[in-house]
Structures are given as structure tokens and as C-alpha cells.
Amino acid sequence: MRVDNRLVDSAPMRPLACERCAAEVLVRKSSWQQTSVQWNARATAACAEREGAGGAFEGCRSLSDTIREAALRGTIEVVDGGADRVP
């Protein structure tokens, strides 16, 4: 079985700070529908939305908004970012 690594190989994860709380994570946008986020202990502690979520944390809306805006501005590359697919 051959694994298709084109998306993984073509765009490394990039640091990005949340515009709300400045938590810095690593981000890769493989497409407008797919985003990879790597949290570290410092970002986890800084995230304003994680603070009250306890074990039920399903994602940070502020960080999602920051990532979307960064992708629209071109700060974060969207690997498969056809203009007709912009949400």
C-alpha cells in the first residue's frame, strides 16, 4: 500500500499565535476543510477557551478564527487552496 504524502510533504507546520490569548501553536492547512494543530504545554495553559472546558474541550473557536484569517491573508499556506473552495 502506498501512502500519499503530498500534502504533508509540501507544507510544514508553522507557528501561529491566537489573536485572543496569544497561545502559540503549530498549524498546517492541507485544505480549507482540513487543519492540523499541534498544541504544546505552554499553549494549552494560555488558551482562554481551554481554561473552563475541563475534559470536554472540542477546540478553540478563537484559534479557529485566527487560523482562517491567517489562511485568507496568506500568512498560513493552504496546500490545496483552490479559490473556489474558500469557505
PDB file of N, CA and C in Angstrom:
ATOM      1  N   MET A   1       0.828  -1.178   0.000  1.00  0.00           N
ATOM      2  CA  MET A   1       0.000   0.000   0.000  1.00  0.00           C
ATOM      3  C   MET A   1       0.876   1.246   0.000  1.00  0.00           C
ATOM      4  N   ARG A   2       0.607   2.174  -0.901  1.00  0.00           N
ATOM      5  CA  ARG A   2       1.369   3.409  -0.991  1.00  0.00           C
ATOM      6  C   ARG A   2       0.615   4.526  -0.270  1.00  0.00           C
ATOM      7  N   VAL A   3       1.308   5.211   0.613  1.00  0.00           N
ATOM      8  CA  VAL A   3       0.716   6.325   1.336  1.00  0.00           C
ATOM      9  C   VAL A   3       0.993   7.606   0.554  1.00  0.00           C
ATOM     10  N   ASP A   4      -0.026   8.422   0.374  1.00  0.00           N
ATOM     11  CA  ASP A   4       0.112   9.685  -0.351  1.00  0.00           C
ATOM     12  C   ASP A   4       0.527  10.772   0.634  1.00  0.00           C
ATOM     13  N   ASN A   5       1.777  11.210   0.553  1.00  0.00           N
ATOM     14  CA  ASN A   5       2.303  12.214   1.470  1.00  0.00           C
ATOM     15  C   ASN A   5       2.408  13.600   0.843  1.00  0.00           C
ATOM     16  N   ARG A   6       1.797  13.827  -0.294  1.00  0.00           N
ATOM     17  CA  ARG A   6       1.955  15.116  -0.972  1.00  0.00           C
ATOM     18  C   ARG A   6       1.582  16.290  -0.075  1.00  0.00           C
ATOM     19  N   LEU A   7       0.457  16.225   0.612  1.00  0.00           N
ATOM     20  CA  LEU A   7       0.040  17.349   1.436  1.00  0.00           C
ATOM     21  C   LEU A   7       0.947  17.528   2.637  1.00  0.00           C
ATOM     22  N   VAL A   8       1.355  16.441   3.244  1.00  0.00           N
ATOM     23  CA  VAL A   8       2.228  16.513   4.412  1.00  0.00           C
ATOM     24  C   VAL A   8       3.597  17.050   4.018  1.00  0.00           C
ATOM     25  N   ASP A   9       4.135  16.590   2.889  1.00  0.00           N
ATOM     26  CA  ASP A   9       5.470  16.967   2.481  1.00  0.00           C
ATOM     27  C   ASP A   9       5.558  18.398   1.966  1.00  0.00           C
ATOM     28  N   SER A  10       4.495  18.942   1.426  1.00  0.00           N
ATOM     29  CA  SER A  10       4.599  20.227   0.762  1.00  0.00           C
ATOM     30  C   SER A  10       4.405  21.428   1.677  1.00  0.00           C
ATOM     31  N   ALA A  11       3.900  21.267   2.850  1.00  0.00           N
ATOM     32  CA  ALA A  11       3.698  22.403   3.754  1.00  0.00           C
ATOM     33  C   ALA A  11       4.032  22.009   5.186  1.00  0.00           C
ATOM     34  N   PRO A  12       5.129  22.521   5.698  1.00  0.00           N
ATOM     35  CA  PRO A  12       5.456  22.211   7.094  1.00  0.00           C
ATOM     36  C   PRO A  12       4.511  22.932   8.043  1.00  0.00           C
ATOM     37  N   MET A  13       4.469  22.471   9.265  1.00  0.00           N
ATOM     38  CA  MET A  13       3.678  23.162  10.277  1.00  0.00           C
ATOM     39  C   MET A  13       4.369  24.491  10.579  1.00  0.00           C
ATOM     40  N   ARG A  14       3.551  25.520  10.783  1.00  0.00           N
ATOM     41  CA  ARG A  14       4.049  26.873  11.040  1.00  0.00           C
ATOM     42  C   ARG A  14       3.512  27.375  12.378  1.00  0.00           C
ATOM     43  N   PRO A  15       4.321  28.137  13.118  1.00  0.00           N
ATOM     44  CA  PRO A  15       3.822  28.700  14.368  1.00  0.00           C
ATOM     45  C   PRO A  15       2.785  29.790  14.088  1.00  0.00           C
ATOM     46  N   LEU A  16       1.766  29.838  14.916  1.00  0.00           N
ATOM     47  CA  LEU A  16       0.724  30.857  14.797  1.00  0.00           C
ATOM     48  C   LEU A  16       0.182  31.137  16.193  1.00  0.00           C
ATOM     49  N   ALA A  17       0.073  32.411  16.531  1.00  0.00           N
ATOM     50  CA  ALA A  17      -0.450  32.815  17.843  1.00  0.00           C
ATOM     51  C   ALA A  17      -1.908  33.222  17.718  1.00  0.00           C
ATOM     52  N   CYS A  18      -2.717  32.746  18.620  1.00  0.00           N
ATOM     53  CA  CYS A  18      -4.133  33.099  18.680  1.00  0.00           C
ATOM     54  C   CYS A  18      -4.270  34.602  18.907  1.00  0.00           C
ATOM     55  N   GLU A  19      -5.151  35.239  18.165  1.00  0.00           N
ATOM     56  CA  GLU A  19      -5.347  36.680  18.301  1.00  0.00           C
ATOM     57  C   GLU A  19      -6.034  37.054  19.603  1.00  0.00           C
ATOM     58  N   ARG A  20      -6.695  36.104  20.255  1.00  0.00           N
ATOM     59  CA  ARG A  20      -7.378  36.394  21.522  1.00  0.00           C
ATOM     60  C   ARG A  20      -6.450  36.286  22.723  1.00  0.00           C
ATOM     61  N   CYS A  21      -5.722  35.162  22.834  1.00  0.00           N
ATOM     62  CA  CYS A  21      -4.947  34.926  24.057  1.00  0.00           C
ATOM     63  C   CYS A  21      -3.449  34.754  23.817  1.00  0.00           C
ATOM     64  N   ALA A  22      -3.025  34.806  22.556  1.00  0.00           N
ATOM     65  CA  ALA A  22      -1.615  34.688  22.171  1.00  0.00           C
ATOM     66  C   ALA A  22      -1.031  33.292  22.383  1.00  0.00           C
ATOM     67  N   ALA A  23      -1.862  32.291  22.630  1.00  0.00           N
ATOM     68  CA  ALA A  23      -1.365  30.912  22.704  1.00  0.00           C
ATOM     69  C   ALA A  23      -0.762  30.555  21.344  1.00  0.00           C
ATOM     70  N   GLU A  24       0.495  30.133  21.329  1.00  0.00           N
ATOM     71  CA  GLU A  24       1.154  29.816  20.060  1.00  0.00           C
ATOM     72  C   GLU A  24       1.166  28.313  19.827  1.00  0.00           C
ATOM     73  N   VAL A  25       0.602  27.903  18.708  1.00  0.00           N
ATOM     74  CA  VAL A  25       0.533  26.500  18.306  1.00  0.00           C
ATOM     75  C   VAL A  25       1.224  26.349  16.959  1.00  0.00           C
ATOM     76  N   LEU A  26       1.396  25.112  16.519  1.00  0.00           N
ATOM     77  CA  LEU A  26       1.876  24.839  15.163  1.00  0.00           C
ATOM     78  C   LEU A  26       0.673  24.463  14.317  1.00  0.00           C
ATOM     79  N   VAL A  27       0.609  24.997  13.098  1.00  0.00           N
ATOM     80  CA  VAL A  27      -0.564  24.833  12.240  1.00  0.00           C
ATOM     81  C   VAL A  27      -0.142  24.439  10.829  1.00  0.00           C
ATOM     82  N   ARG A  28      -0.953  23.582  10.216  1.00  0.00           N
ATOM     83  CA  ARG A  28      -0.818  23.272   8.779  1.00  0.00           C
ATOM     84  C   ARG A  28      -2.231  23.184   8.212  1.00  0.00           C
ATOM     85  N   LYS A  29      -2.478  23.909   7.119  1.00  0.00           N
ATOM     86  CA  LYS A  29      -3.768  23.845   6.421  1.00  0.00           C
ATOM     87  C   LYS A  29      -3.554  23.017   5.158  1.00  0.00           C
ATOM     88  N   SER A  30      -4.018  21.797   5.168  1.00  0.00           N
ATOM     89  CA  SER A  30      -3.910  20.948   3.983  1.00  0.00           C
ATOM     90  C   SER A  30      -4.953  21.323   2.944  1.00  0.00           C
ATOM     91  N   SER A  31      -6.093  21.818   3.410  1.00  0.00           N
ATOM     92  CA  SER A  31      -7.161  22.291   2.526  1.00  0.00           C
ATOM     93  C   SER A  31      -8.020  23.239   3.363  1.00  0.00           C
ATOM     94  N   TRP A  32      -9.035  23.840   2.740  1.00  0.00           N
ATOM     95  CA  TRP A  32      -9.924  24.722   3.505  1.00  0.00           C
ATOM     96  C   TRP A  32     -10.728  23.924   4.522  1.00  0.00           C
ATOM     97  N   GLN A  33     -10.895  22.635   4.293  1.00  0.00           N
ATOM     98  CA  GLN A  33     -11.665  21.803   5.209  1.00  0.00           C
ATOM     99  C   GLN A  33     -10.801  21.088   6.238  1.00  0.00           C
ATOM    100  N   GLN A  34      -9.486  21.014   6.042  1.00  0.00           N
ATOM    101  CA  GLN A  34      -8.635  20.220   6.927  1.00  0.00           C
ATOM    102  C   GLN A  34      -7.502  21.062   7.492  1.00  0.00           C
ATOM    103  N   THR A  35      -7.420  21.088   8.816  1.00  0.00           N
ATOM    104  CA  THR A  35      -6.385  21.831   9.519  1.00  0.00           C
ATOM    105  C   THR A  35      -5.768  20.929  10.570  1.00  0.00           C
ATOM    106  N   SER A  36      -4.449  20.936  10.644  1.00  0.00           N
ATOM    107  CA  SER A  36      -3.745  20.213  11.706  1.00  0.00           C
ATOM    108  C   SER A  36      -3.200  21.237  12.688  1.00  0.00           C
ATOM    109  N   VAL A  37      -3.432  20.996  13.973  1.00  0.00           N
ATOM    110  CA  VAL A  37      -2.955  21.894  15.025  1.00  0.00           C
ATOM    111  C   VAL A  37      -2.194  21.059  16.039  1.00  0.00           C
ATOM    112  N   GLN A  38      -0.992  21.513  16.357  1.00  0.00           N
ATOM    113  CA  GLN A  38      -0.191  20.837  17.379  1.00  0.00           C
ATOM    114  C   GLN A  38      -0.051  21.775  18.574  1.00  0.00           C
ATOM    115  N   TRP A  39      -0.609  21.344  19.702  1.00  0.00           N
ATOM    116  CA  TRP A  39      -0.558  22.112  20.945  1.00  0.00           C
ATOM    117  C   TRP A  39       0.664  21.696  21.750  1.00  0.00           C
ATOM    118  N   ASN A  40       1.217  22.616  22.509  1.00  0.00           N
ATOM    119  CA  ASN A  40       2.248  22.268  23.483  1.00  0.00           C
ATOM    120  C   ASN A  40       1.738  22.706  24.863  1.00  0.00           C
ATOM    121  N   ALA A  41       2.479  22.427  25.910  1.00  0.00           N
ATOM    122  CA  ALA A  41       2.020  22.727  27.271  1.00  0.00           C
ATOM    123  C   ALA A  41       1.798  24.219  27.479  1.00  0.00           C
ATOM    124  N   ARG A  42       2.667  25.048  26.930  1.00  0.00           N
ATOM    125  CA  ARG A  42       2.529  26.498  27.102  1.00  0.00           C
ATOM    126  C   ARG A  42       1.248  27.007  26.437  1.00  0.00           C
ATOM    127  N   ALA A  43       0.977  26.556  25.215  1.00  0.00           N
ATOM    128  CA  ALA A  43      -0.239  26.974  24.506  1.00  0.00           C
ATOM    129  C   ALA A  43      -1.488  26.474  25.227  1.00  0.00           C
ATOM    130  N   THR A  44      -1.427  25.254  25.708  1.00  0.00           N
ATOM    131  CA  THR A  44      -2.566  24.680  26.439  1.00  0.00           C
ATOM    132  C   THR A  44      -2.878  25.524  27.671  1.00  0.00           C
ATOM    133  N   ALA A  45      -1.851  25.942  28.400  1.00  0.00           N
ATOM    134  CA  ALA A  45      -2.045  26.743  29.605  1.00  0.00           C
ATOM    135  C   ALA A  45      -2.542  28.156  29.273  1.00  0.00           C
ATOM    136  N   ALA A  46      -2.147  28.694  28.120  1.00  0.00           N
ATOM    137  CA  ALA A  46      -2.502  30.070  27.753  1.00  0.00           C
ATOM    138  C   ALA A  46      -3.892  30.200  27.141  1.00  0.00           C
ATOM    139  N   CYS A  47      -4.433  29.134  26.598  1.00  0.00           N
ATOM    140  CA  CYS A  47      -5.698  29.199  25.868  1.00  0.00           C
ATOM    141  C   CYS A  47      -6.857  29.590  26.784  1.00  0.00           C
ATOM    142  N   ALA A  48      -7.483  30.703  26.459  1.00  0.00           N
ATOM    143  CA  ALA A  48      -8.595  31.210  27.264  1.00  0.00           C
ATOM    144  C   ALA A  48      -9.824  30.297  27.209  1.00  0.00           C
ATOM    145  N   GLU A  49     -10.054  29.657  26.082  1.00  0.00           N
ATOM    146  CA  GLU A  49     -11.233  28.793  25.942  1.00  0.00           C
ATOM    147  C   GLU A  49     -11.025  27.416  26.561  1.00  0.00           C
ATOM    148  N   ARG A  50      -9.789  26.959  26.639  1.00  0.00           N
ATOM    149  CA  ARG A  50      -9.493  25.663  27.246  1.00  0.00           C
ATOM    150  C   ARG A  50      -9.665  25.706  28.750  1.00  0.00           C
ATOM    151  N   GLU A  51      -9.436  26.879  29.303  1.00  0.00           N
ATOM    152  CA  GLU A  51      -9.427  27.066  30.753  1.00  0.00           C
ATOM    153  C   GLU A  51     -10.652  26.482  31.442  1.00  0.00           C
ATOM    154  N   GLY A  52     -11.840  26.786  30.966  1.00  0.00           N
ATOM    155  CA  GLY A  52     -13.048  26.324  31.625  1.00  0.00           C
ATOM    156  C   GLY A  52     -13.660  25.076  31.027  1.00  0.00           C
ATOM    157  N   ALA A  53     -13.002  24.478  30.042  1.00  0.00           N
ATOM    158  CA  ALA A  53     -13.592  23.349  29.331  1.00  0.00           C
ATOM    159  C   ALA A  53     -13.418  22.018  30.049  1.00  0.00           C
ATOM    160  N   GLY A  54     -12.425  21.912  30.897  1.00  0.00           N
ATOM    161  CA  GLY A  54     -12.165  20.641  31.566  1.00  0.00           C
ATOM    162  C   GLY A  54     -11.814  19.566  30.559  1.00  0.00           C
ATOM    163  N   GLY A  55     -12.378  18.372  30.706  1.00  0.00           N
ATOM    164  CA  GLY A  55     -12.081  17.265  29.802  1.00  0.00           C
ATOM    165  C   GLY A  55     -12.906  17.280  28.532  1.00  0.00           C
ATOM    166  N   ALA A  56     -13.822  18.233  28.393  1.00  0.00           N
ATOM    167  CA  ALA A  56     -14.727  18.253  27.242  1.00  0.00           C
ATOM    168  C   ALA A  56     -14.289  19.220  26.155  1.00  0.00           C
ATOM    169  N   PHE A  57     -13.034  19.620  26.128  1.00  0.00           N
ATOM    170  CA  PHE A  57     -12.553  20.592  25.147  1.00  0.00           C
ATOM    171  C   PHE A  57     -12.622  20.016  23.741  1.00  0.00           C
ATOM    172  N   GLU A  58     -13.354  20.681  22.860  1.00  0.00           N
ATOM    173  CA  GLU A  58     -13.508  20.213  21.483  1.00  0.00           C
ATOM    174  C   GLU A  58     -12.853  21.127  20.468  1.00  0.00           C
ATOM    175  N   GLY A  59     -12.151  22.135  20.921  1.00  0.00           N
ATOM    176  CA  GLY A  59     -11.471  23.053  20.020  1.00  0.00           C
ATOM    177  C   GLY A  59     -11.691  24.488  20.446  1.00  0.00           C
ATOM    178  N   CYS A  60     -10.801  25.337  20.039  1.00  0.00           N
ATOM    179  CA  CYS A  60     -10.847  26.744  20.405  1.00  0.00           C
ATOM    180  C   CYS A  60     -11.398  27.558  19.244  1.00  0.00           C
ATOM    181  N   ARG A  61     -12.546  28.160  19.430  1.00  0.00           N
ATOM    182  CA  ARG A  61     -13.185  28.957  18.374  1.00  0.00           C
ATOM    183  C   ARG A  61     -12.322  30.155  17.987  1.00  0.00           C
ATOM    184  N   SER A  62     -11.705  30.788  18.985  1.00  0.00           N
ATOM    185  CA  SER A  62     -10.843  31.945  18.704  1.00  0.00           C
ATOM    186  C   SER A  62      -9.646  31.537  17.859  1.00  0.00           C
ATOM    187  N   LEU A  63      -9.041  30.396  18.184  1.00  0.00           N
ATOM    188  CA  LEU A  63      -7.903  29.918  17.400  1.00  0.00           C
ATOM    189  C   LEU A  63      -8.350  29.545  15.993  1.00  0.00           C
ATOM    190  N   SER A  64      -9.498  28.912  15.861  1.00  0.00           N
ATOM    191  CA  SER A  64     -10.019  28.569  14.535  1.00  0.00           C
ATOM    192  C   SER A  64     -10.208  29.817  13.689  1.00  0.00           C
ATOM    193  N   ASP A  65     -10.742  30.870  14.296  1.00  0.00           N
ATOM    194  CA  ASP A  65     -10.925  32.138  13.582  1.00  0.00           C
ATOM    195  C   ASP A  65      -9.575  32.736  13.180  1.00  0.00           C
ATOM    196  N   THR A  66      -8.598  32.661  14.079  1.00  0.00           N
ATOM    197  CA  THR A  66      -7.253  33.172  13.788  1.00  0.00           C
ATOM    198  C   THR A  66      -6.636  32.416  12.618  1.00  0.00           C
ATOM    199  N   ILE A  67      -6.777  31.096  12.609  1.00  0.00           N
ATOM    200  CA  ILE A  67      -6.219  30.271  11.535  1.00  0.00           C
ATOM    201  C   ILE A  67      -6.888  30.609  10.209  1.00  0.00           C
ATOM    202  N   ARG A  68      -8.206  30.740  10.210  1.00  0.00           N
ATOM    203  CA  ARG A  68      -8.932  31.063   8.979  1.00  0.00           C
ATOM    204  C   ARG A  68      -8.476  32.411   8.428  1.00  0.00           C
ATOM    205  N   GLU A  69      -8.362  33.407   9.294  1.00  0.00           N
ATOM    206  CA  GLU A  69      -7.917  34.736   8.856  1.00  0.00           C
ATOM    207  C   GLU A  69      -6.481  34.687   8.332  1.00  0.00           C
ATOM    208  N   ALA A  70      -5.618  33.932   8.990  1.00  0.00           N
ATOM    209  CA  ALA A  70      -4.234  33.799   8.535  1.00  0.00           C
ATOM    210  C   ALA A  70      -4.173  33.139   7.157  1.00  0.00           C
ATOM    211  N   ALA A  71      -5.036  32.162   6.931  1.00  0.00           N
ATOM    212  CA  ALA A  71      -5.082  31.495   5.626  1.00  0.00           C
ATOM    213  C   ALA A  71      -5.597  32.461   4.550  1.00  0.00           C
ATOM    214  N   LEU A  72      -6.604  33.233   4.876  1.00  0.00           N
ATOM    215  CA  LEU A  72      -7.141  34.207   3.914  1.00  0.00           C
ATOM    216  C   LEU A  72      -6.111  35.278   3.571  1.00  0.00           C
ATOM    217  N   ARG A  73      -5.306  35.697   4.549  1.00  0.00           N
ATOM    218  CA  ARG A  73      -4.261  36.706   4.322  1.00  0.00           C
ATOM    219  C   ARG A  73      -3.026  36.115   3.651  1.00  0.00           C
ATOM    220  N   GLY A  74      -2.893  34.785   3.673  1.00  0.00           N
ATOM    221  CA  GLY A  74      -1.714  34.148   3.104  1.00  0.00           C
ATOM    222  C   GLY A  74      -0.587  33.944   4.092  1.00  0.00           C
ATOM    223  N   THR A  75      -0.821  34.228   5.357  1.00  0.00           N
ATOM    224  CA  THR A  75       0.186  34.009   6.395  1.00  0.00           C
ATOM    225  C   THR A  75       0.439  32.519   6.586  1.00  0.00           C
ATOM    226  N   ILE A  76      -0.625  31.733   6.495  1.00  0.00           N
ATOM    227  CA  ILE A  76      -0.544  30.273   6.542  1.00  0.00           C
ATOM    228  C   ILE A  76      -0.961  29.763   5.170  1.00  0.00           C
ATOM    229  N   GLU A  77      -0.117  28.942   4.573  1.00  0.00           N
ATOM    230  CA  GLU A  77      -0.410  28.379   3.242  1.00  0.00           C
ATOM    231  C   GLU A  77      -1.527  27.342   3.329  1.00  0.00           C
ATOM    232  N   VAL A  78      -2.430  27.380   2.359  1.00  0.00           N
ATOM    233  CA  VAL A  78      -3.436  26.331   2.197  1.00  0.00           C
ATOM    234  C   VAL A  78      -2.934  25.486   1.030  1.00  0.00           C
ATOM    235  N   VAL A  79      -2.477  24.265   1.320  1.00  0.00           N
ATOM    236  CA  VAL A  79      -1.820  23.432   0.315  1.00  0.00           C
ATOM    237  C   VAL A  79      -2.719  23.203  -0.878  1.00  0.00           C
ATOM    238  N   ASP A  80      -3.945  22.758  -0.639  1.00  0.00           N
ATOM    239  CA  ASP A  80      -4.913  22.531  -1.718  1.00  0.00           C
ATOM    240  C   ASP A  80      -5.945  23.646  -1.630  1.00  0.00           C
ATOM    241  N   GLY A  81      -5.507  24.876  -1.892  1.00  0.00           N
ATOM    242  CA  GLY A  81      -6.334  26.034  -1.601  1.00  0.00           C
ATOM    243  C   GLY A  81      -6.998  26.672  -2.790  1.00  0.00           C
ATOM    244  N   GLY A  82      -7.611  25.879  -3.664  1.00  0.00           N
ATOM    245  CA  GLY A  82      -8.303  26.461  -4.792  1.00  0.00           C
ATOM    246  C   GLY A  82      -9.252  27.568  -4.371  1.00  0.00           C
ATOM    247  N   ALA A  83      -9.220  28.686  -5.076  1.00  0.00           N
ATOM    248  CA  ALA A  83     -10.018  29.854  -4.714  1.00  0.00           C
ATOM    249  C   ALA A  83     -11.511  29.547  -4.662  1.00  0.00           C
ATOM    250  N   ASP A  84     -11.958  28.581  -5.468  1.00  0.00           N
ATOM    251  CA  ASP A  84     -13.382  28.245  -5.479  1.00  0.00           C
ATOM    252  C   ASP A  84     -13.797  27.479  -4.226  1.00  0.00           C
ATOM    253  N   ARG A  85     -12.846  27.105  -3.392  1.00  0.00           N
ATOM    254  CA  ARG A  85     -13.171  26.338  -2.185  1.00  0.00           C
ATOM    255  C   ARG A  85     -13.079  27.160  -0.909  1.00  0.00           C
ATOM    256  N   VAL A  86     -12.793  28.430  -1.004  1.00  0.00           N
ATOM    257  CA  VAL A  86     -12.690  29.266   0.193  1.00  0.00           C
ATOM    258  C   VAL A  86     -14.048  29.284   0.878  1.00  0.00           C
ATOM    259  N   PRO A  87     -14.088  28.950   2.167  1.00  0.00           N
ATOM    260  CA  PRO A  87     -15.365  28.911   2.878  1.00  0.00           C
ATOM    261  C   PRO A  87     -15.937  30.300   3.103  1.00  0.00           C
TER     262      PRO A  87
END
